[in-house]
N, C-alpha and C. Protein backbone atom coordinates (compact mmCIF):
# COMPACT_ATOMS: atom_id res chain seq x y z
N MET A 1 0.88 2.00 0.00
CA MET A 1 0.60 0.76 0.67
C MET A 1 1.67 0.50 1.71
N SER A 2 1.31 -0.19 2.79
CA SER A 2 2.26 -0.50 3.85
C SER A 2 3.34 -1.43 3.35
N ALA A 3 4.49 -1.40 4.01
CA ALA A 3 5.63 -2.22 3.62
C ALA A 3 5.34 -3.71 3.83
N THR A 4 4.65 -4.06 4.92
CA THR A 4 4.31 -5.46 5.18
C THR A 4 2.84 -5.56 5.53
N ARG A 5 2.33 -6.78 5.47
CA ARG A 5 0.92 -7.01 5.77
C ARG A 5 0.63 -6.86 7.26
N ASP A 6 1.66 -6.93 8.11
CA ASP A 6 1.44 -6.87 9.55
C ASP A 6 1.46 -5.45 10.11
N GLU A 7 1.82 -4.47 9.29
CA GLU A 7 1.85 -3.10 9.77
C GLU A 7 0.44 -2.52 9.84
N ILE A 8 0.20 -1.75 10.86
CA ILE A 8 -1.08 -1.04 10.95
C ILE A 8 -1.03 0.09 9.93
N PRO A 9 -2.08 0.25 9.13
CA PRO A 9 -2.06 1.29 8.11
C PRO A 9 -1.80 2.67 8.70
N ASP A 10 -1.10 3.47 7.93
CA ASP A 10 -0.72 4.81 8.33
C ASP A 10 -1.95 5.69 8.54
N TYR A 11 -2.00 6.39 9.67
CA TYR A 11 -3.14 7.23 9.99
C TYR A 11 -3.33 8.35 8.97
N ALA A 12 -2.25 8.97 8.53
CA ALA A 12 -2.35 10.06 7.56
C ALA A 12 -2.94 9.56 6.25
N GLU A 13 -2.53 8.36 5.82
CA GLU A 13 -3.08 7.78 4.59
C GLU A 13 -4.57 7.51 4.77
N ARG A 14 -4.93 6.98 5.91
CA ARG A 14 -6.34 6.68 6.19
C ARG A 14 -7.17 7.94 6.16
N ALA A 15 -6.71 8.98 6.82
CA ALA A 15 -7.45 10.25 6.87
C ALA A 15 -7.61 10.84 5.47
N GLN A 16 -6.59 10.73 4.67
CA GLN A 16 -6.63 11.28 3.32
C GLN A 16 -7.61 10.51 2.44
N ARG A 17 -7.72 9.22 2.62
CA ARG A 17 -8.54 8.38 1.73
C ARG A 17 -9.90 8.00 2.30
N LEU A 18 -10.23 8.41 3.51
CA LEU A 18 -11.45 7.96 4.17
C LEU A 18 -12.70 8.23 3.36
N GLY A 19 -12.83 9.40 2.78
CA GLY A 19 -14.01 9.73 1.97
C GLY A 19 -14.18 8.78 0.80
N ALA A 20 -13.09 8.49 0.11
CA ALA A 20 -13.17 7.57 -1.03
C ALA A 20 -13.50 6.16 -0.57
N LEU A 21 -12.98 5.76 0.59
CA LEU A 21 -13.25 4.42 1.11
C LEU A 21 -14.73 4.26 1.43
N ILE A 22 -15.32 5.27 2.01
CA ILE A 22 -16.72 5.20 2.41
C ILE A 22 -17.64 5.12 1.19
N GLN A 23 -17.28 5.78 0.10
CA GLN A 23 -18.14 5.84 -1.08
C GLN A 23 -18.01 4.64 -2.01
N ALA A 24 -16.94 3.90 -1.92
CA ALA A 24 -16.71 2.78 -2.84
C ALA A 24 -17.69 1.64 -2.56
N PRO A 25 -18.25 1.01 -3.61
CA PRO A 25 -19.19 -0.11 -3.40
C PRO A 25 -18.49 -1.36 -2.87
N ALA A 26 -17.22 -1.51 -3.20
CA ALA A 26 -16.43 -2.65 -2.70
C ALA A 26 -15.00 -2.17 -2.48
N LEU A 27 -14.35 -2.78 -1.49
CA LEU A 27 -12.99 -2.37 -1.14
C LEU A 27 -12.04 -3.55 -1.22
N PRO A 28 -10.82 -3.32 -1.73
CA PRO A 28 -9.81 -4.36 -1.63
C PRO A 28 -9.52 -4.63 -0.15
N LEU A 29 -9.06 -5.82 0.15
CA LEU A 29 -8.81 -6.20 1.54
C LEU A 29 -7.88 -5.21 2.24
N TYR A 30 -6.87 -4.69 1.52
CA TYR A 30 -5.97 -3.71 2.12
C TYR A 30 -6.74 -2.48 2.58
N ASP A 31 -7.71 -2.03 1.78
CA ASP A 31 -8.47 -0.84 2.16
C ASP A 31 -9.41 -1.11 3.33
N VAL A 32 -9.89 -2.33 3.46
CA VAL A 32 -10.69 -2.69 4.64
C VAL A 32 -9.82 -2.56 5.88
N ALA A 33 -8.59 -3.05 5.79
CA ALA A 33 -7.63 -2.91 6.90
C ALA A 33 -7.34 -1.44 7.18
N LEU A 34 -7.19 -0.66 6.13
CA LEU A 34 -6.94 0.77 6.27
C LEU A 34 -8.12 1.44 6.97
N PHE A 35 -9.32 1.07 6.59
CA PHE A 35 -10.54 1.64 7.17
C PHE A 35 -10.62 1.37 8.67
N PHE A 36 -10.28 0.14 9.08
CA PHE A 36 -10.38 -0.25 10.49
C PHE A 36 -9.09 -0.07 11.28
N GLN A 37 -8.03 0.35 10.61
CA GLN A 37 -6.73 0.55 11.23
C GLN A 37 -6.21 -0.73 11.89
N ILE A 38 -6.28 -1.83 11.14
CA ILE A 38 -5.76 -3.11 11.60
C ILE A 38 -4.91 -3.71 10.48
N PRO A 39 -3.99 -4.59 10.80
CA PRO A 39 -3.19 -5.24 9.76
C PRO A 39 -4.04 -6.16 8.88
N VAL A 40 -3.66 -6.27 7.63
CA VAL A 40 -4.35 -7.19 6.70
C VAL A 40 -4.26 -8.61 7.24
N SER A 41 -3.16 -8.95 7.88
CA SER A 41 -2.99 -10.31 8.40
C SER A 41 -4.04 -10.63 9.46
N THR A 42 -4.52 -9.63 10.18
CA THR A 42 -5.59 -9.85 11.16
C THR A 42 -6.88 -10.23 10.46
N ILE A 43 -7.19 -9.54 9.37
CA ILE A 43 -8.39 -9.88 8.60
C ILE A 43 -8.25 -11.27 8.00
N ASP A 44 -7.06 -11.59 7.49
CA ASP A 44 -6.81 -12.94 6.96
C ASP A 44 -7.03 -14.01 8.02
N MET A 45 -6.53 -13.76 9.23
CA MET A 45 -6.68 -14.71 10.33
C MET A 45 -8.17 -14.90 10.66
N LEU A 46 -8.90 -13.80 10.73
CA LEU A 46 -10.34 -13.89 11.03
C LEU A 46 -11.08 -14.63 9.93
N ARG A 47 -10.71 -14.38 8.68
CA ARG A 47 -11.33 -15.08 7.56
C ARG A 47 -11.06 -16.57 7.64
N ALA A 48 -9.84 -16.95 8.01
CA ALA A 48 -9.48 -18.37 8.13
C ALA A 48 -10.31 -19.07 9.21
N LYS A 49 -10.68 -18.33 10.25
CA LYS A 49 -11.50 -18.88 11.33
C LYS A 49 -13.00 -18.79 11.03
N GLY A 50 -13.35 -18.21 9.88
CA GLY A 50 -14.76 -18.03 9.53
C GLY A 50 -15.40 -16.86 10.23
N GLN A 51 -14.60 -15.95 10.75
CA GLN A 51 -15.12 -14.80 11.50
C GLN A 51 -14.90 -13.47 10.78
N GLY A 52 -14.33 -13.52 9.60
CA GLY A 52 -14.03 -12.30 8.87
C GLY A 52 -15.17 -11.90 7.95
N PRO A 53 -14.98 -10.81 7.22
CA PRO A 53 -16.01 -10.38 6.28
C PRO A 53 -16.07 -11.30 5.06
N ARG A 54 -17.22 -11.35 4.43
CA ARG A 54 -17.37 -12.12 3.20
C ARG A 54 -16.58 -11.43 2.09
N THR A 55 -15.86 -12.19 1.31
CA THR A 55 -15.02 -11.63 0.26
C THR A 55 -15.34 -12.26 -1.08
N PHE A 56 -14.86 -11.62 -2.14
CA PHE A 56 -14.92 -12.18 -3.48
C PHE A 56 -13.63 -11.79 -4.19
N LYS A 57 -13.31 -12.51 -5.25
CA LYS A 57 -12.07 -12.29 -5.98
C LYS A 57 -12.33 -11.66 -7.33
N ILE A 58 -11.45 -10.74 -7.68
CA ILE A 58 -11.33 -10.25 -9.05
C ILE A 58 -9.85 -10.42 -9.36
N GLY A 59 -9.56 -11.31 -10.28
CA GLY A 59 -8.16 -11.65 -10.54
C GLY A 59 -7.58 -12.31 -9.31
N ARG A 60 -6.48 -11.74 -8.80
CA ARG A 60 -5.83 -12.29 -7.60
C ARG A 60 -6.24 -11.57 -6.33
N ARG A 61 -6.92 -10.46 -6.47
CA ARG A 61 -7.24 -9.64 -5.29
C ARG A 61 -8.57 -10.00 -4.66
N LEU A 62 -8.59 -9.92 -3.33
CA LEU A 62 -9.82 -10.13 -2.58
C LEU A 62 -10.48 -8.78 -2.32
N TYR A 63 -11.80 -8.75 -2.45
CA TYR A 63 -12.57 -7.55 -2.21
C TYR A 63 -13.69 -7.84 -1.22
N VAL A 64 -14.14 -6.79 -0.54
CA VAL A 64 -15.26 -6.88 0.39
C VAL A 64 -16.28 -5.83 -0.03
N ARG A 65 -17.51 -6.26 -0.27
CA ARG A 65 -18.56 -5.28 -0.58
C ARG A 65 -18.87 -4.49 0.69
N GLN A 66 -19.25 -3.22 0.52
CA GLN A 66 -19.59 -2.38 1.67
C GLN A 66 -20.70 -3.04 2.50
N VAL A 67 -21.67 -3.61 1.82
CA VAL A 67 -22.79 -4.27 2.51
C VAL A 67 -22.28 -5.41 3.38
N ASP A 68 -21.33 -6.20 2.87
CA ASP A 68 -20.77 -7.31 3.63
C ASP A 68 -19.91 -6.80 4.78
N MET A 69 -19.23 -5.68 4.57
CA MET A 69 -18.43 -5.10 5.65
C MET A 69 -19.34 -4.64 6.80
N ARG A 70 -20.45 -4.03 6.46
CA ARG A 70 -21.39 -3.58 7.50
C ARG A 70 -22.03 -4.76 8.22
N GLU A 71 -22.34 -5.83 7.50
CA GLU A 71 -22.88 -7.04 8.14
C GLU A 71 -21.85 -7.63 9.09
N TRP A 72 -20.60 -7.62 8.68
CA TRP A 72 -19.51 -8.12 9.53
C TRP A 72 -19.41 -7.28 10.81
N ILE A 73 -19.48 -5.98 10.67
CA ILE A 73 -19.45 -5.09 11.84
C ILE A 73 -20.62 -5.39 12.76
N ASP A 74 -21.81 -5.59 12.19
CA ASP A 74 -22.99 -5.91 12.99
C ASP A 74 -22.81 -7.23 13.73
N ARG A 75 -22.23 -8.24 13.05
CA ARG A 75 -21.99 -9.54 13.71
C ARG A 75 -21.03 -9.38 14.89
N LEU A 76 -19.98 -8.59 14.68
CA LEU A 76 -19.01 -8.36 15.76
C LEU A 76 -19.67 -7.65 16.94
N ALA A 77 -20.48 -6.64 16.64
CA ALA A 77 -21.13 -5.89 17.71
C ALA A 77 -22.13 -6.76 18.46
N THR A 78 -22.86 -7.60 17.73
CA THR A 78 -23.84 -8.48 18.36
C THR A 78 -23.14 -9.51 19.24
N ALA A 79 -22.04 -10.08 18.76
CA ALA A 79 -21.28 -11.05 19.54
C ALA A 79 -20.70 -10.40 20.79
N GLU A 80 -20.22 -9.18 20.67
CA GLU A 80 -19.66 -8.45 21.81
C GLU A 80 -20.73 -8.16 22.85
N ALA A 81 -21.92 -7.78 22.39
CA ALA A 81 -23.01 -7.46 23.30
C ALA A 81 -23.50 -8.70 24.04
N ALA A 82 -23.44 -9.86 23.36
CA ALA A 82 -23.90 -11.11 23.96
C ALA A 82 -22.90 -11.65 24.98
N ALA A 83 -21.64 -11.25 24.86
CA ALA A 83 -20.59 -11.78 25.74
C ALA A 83 -20.64 -11.18 27.12
């Protein structure tokens, strides 16, 4: 895991784990950041604005279902195309 939430996830770690990330039904927020190569704090900021992916909690951790991650990607792409 990255030292801070603001660091962009390591490319080597992402490449090594990409297959597992794609197959998982739900991902912890850190892995969503790893998948998109963005800091977790960016996802937190988007969530605070109501523009992030839908999440759910198990214990203290936030997770994103793959289906919700894909819907989020579609919303971003649609908004970008409309702009």
